[in-house]
Amino acid sequence: MPLNAYGVLATFMAAGAAIGSAIGWLVGPRRWTSLILPVLAAVASLGTIGHRLRIGFGPTVPLFGFDVHLFSDLGFAALFAFVAAVGQRAVLAPGHHAGPGVPDGEPPH
């Protein structure tokens, strides 16, 4: 693998980590361990959709000597991170939708 490909890889991993962390933190639950799945989803989408499947639209941006559909790739990463975070929230925080009269985070009595 050429040296400039490592630059693209590092950029996409950093962008996936930032996007996944931000979306995971906004969607919740707000625990550091709950950021893992959205980050993995964002990074995996960047590797799968952008690199292997080469699905992209819009203008290309030169990045370390490669033409990359940066905006659509980052959009897909945000979408996959959001879906993963929402699914994770539904599993990890079932008391969040406990019903009327039950404060958030408290199990029903």
Protein backbone atom coordinates (compact mmCIF):
# COMPACT_ATOMS: atom_id res chain seq x y z
CA MET A 1 0.00 0.00 0.00
CA PRO A 2 1.45 3.39 -0.95
CA LEU A 3 2.34 5.81 1.80
CA ASN A 4 -0.32 8.36 0.81
CA ALA A 5 -2.99 5.65 1.19
CA TYR A 6 -2.15 5.54 4.89
CA GLY A 7 -2.93 9.25 5.04
CA VAL A 8 -6.39 8.65 3.57
CA LEU A 9 -6.92 5.71 5.94
CA ALA A 10 -5.89 7.76 8.98
CA THR A 11 -8.09 10.67 7.89
CA PHE A 12 -11.12 8.44 7.43
CA MET A 13 -10.54 6.64 10.73
CA ALA A 14 -10.25 9.96 12.56
CA ALA A 15 -13.35 11.32 10.81
CA GLY A 16 -15.29 8.13 11.58
CA ALA A 17 -14.26 8.29 15.22
CA ALA A 18 -15.25 11.94 15.48
CA ILE A 19 -18.60 11.47 13.72
CA GLY A 20 -19.47 8.30 15.64
CA SER A 21 -18.50 9.83 18.97
CA ALA A 22 -20.50 12.99 18.37
CA ILE A 23 -23.62 11.20 17.20
CA GLY A 24 -23.33 8.54 19.89
CA TRP A 25 -23.03 11.23 22.55
CA LEU A 26 -25.96 13.23 21.20
CA VAL A 27 -28.29 10.25 20.82
CA GLY A 28 -27.26 8.64 24.09
CA PRO A 29 -27.13 6.93 26.48
CA ARG A 30 -24.28 9.10 27.63
CA ARG A 31 -21.70 6.54 28.65
CA TRP A 32 -18.23 6.25 27.16
CA THR A 33 -18.79 2.59 26.42
CA SER A 34 -21.87 3.40 24.36
CA LEU A 35 -19.73 5.29 21.82
CA ILE A 36 -18.05 2.12 20.56
CA LEU A 37 -20.85 0.88 18.30
CA PRO A 38 -21.54 4.22 16.53
CA VAL A 39 -17.81 4.73 15.94
CA LEU A 40 -17.45 1.22 14.53
CA ALA A 41 -20.48 1.76 12.29
CA ALA A 42 -19.08 5.06 10.96
CA VAL A 43 -15.62 3.64 10.28
CA ALA A 44 -17.05 0.47 8.72
CA SER A 45 -19.29 2.50 6.41
CA LEU A 46 -16.32 4.57 5.28
CA GLY A 47 -14.36 1.42 4.52
CA THR A 48 -17.22 -0.48 2.91
CA ILE A 49 -19.25 2.08 0.99
CA GLY A 50 -16.49 4.45 0.02
CA HIS A 51 -13.63 2.06 -0.55
CA ARG A 52 -14.89 -1.41 -1.46
CA LEU A 53 -18.22 -0.65 -3.09
CA ARG A 54 -17.11 2.75 -4.45
CA ILE A 55 -20.56 4.21 -3.96
CA GLY A 56 -20.33 7.95 -3.93
CA PHE A 57 -21.97 10.98 -5.43
CA GLY A 58 -21.30 14.64 -5.67
CA PRO A 59 -17.99 16.34 -6.25
CA THR A 60 -14.69 14.63 -5.58
CA VAL A 61 -12.05 16.16 -3.38
CA PRO A 62 -8.34 15.45 -3.80
CA LEU A 63 -7.07 13.87 -0.59
CA PHE A 64 -3.46 12.67 -0.42
CA GLY A 65 -3.41 12.15 -4.18
CA PHE A 66 -6.73 10.28 -4.34
CA ASP A 67 -10.04 11.62 -5.63
CA VAL A 68 -12.53 10.97 -2.84
CA HIS A 69 -16.28 11.59 -2.63
CA LEU A 70 -15.67 13.12 0.78
CA PHE A 71 -19.08 14.69 1.39
CA SER A 72 -21.14 11.64 0.49
CA ASP A 73 -18.74 9.33 2.37
CA LEU A 74 -19.03 11.43 5.52
CA GLY A 75 -22.81 11.63 5.06
CA PHE A 76 -23.03 7.83 4.88
CA ALA A 77 -20.82 7.58 7.98
CA ALA A 78 -23.13 9.92 9.88
CA LEU A 79 -26.20 7.98 8.75
CA PHE A 80 -24.78 4.60 9.78
CA ALA A 81 -23.56 6.00 13.12
CA PHE A 82 -27.02 7.47 13.77
CA VAL A 83 -28.78 4.18 13.00
CA ALA A 84 -26.35 2.29 15.25
CA ALA A 85 -26.76 4.81 18.08
CA VAL A 86 -30.56 4.76 17.92
CA GLY A 87 -30.61 0.96 17.91
CA GLN A 88 -28.16 0.84 20.76
CA ARG A 89 -30.19 3.33 22.78
CA ALA A 90 -33.31 1.20 22.31
CA VAL A 91 -31.45 -1.82 23.70
CA LEU A 92 -29.37 -0.21 26.47
CA ALA A 93 -31.91 2.25 27.84
CA PRO A 94 -35.27 0.48 27.82
CA GLY A 95 -36.40 2.51 30.86
CA HIS A 96 -36.17 5.64 28.72
CA HIS A 97 -39.68 4.95 27.38
CA ALA A 98 -41.13 3.75 30.68
CA GLY A 99 -44.41 5.57 30.27
CA PRO A 100 -46.17 8.45 32.00
CA GLY A 101 -45.40 9.14 35.62
CA VAL A 102 -42.05 7.32 35.60
CA PRO A 103 -39.02 9.63 35.52
CA ASP A 104 -36.41 8.87 32.85
CA GLY A 105 -33.75 6.47 34.00
CA GLU A 106 -35.76 5.06 36.88
CA PRO A 107 -37.14 1.54 36.59
CA PRO A 108 -40.91 1.22 37.07
CA HIS A 109 -41.99 0.12 40.57
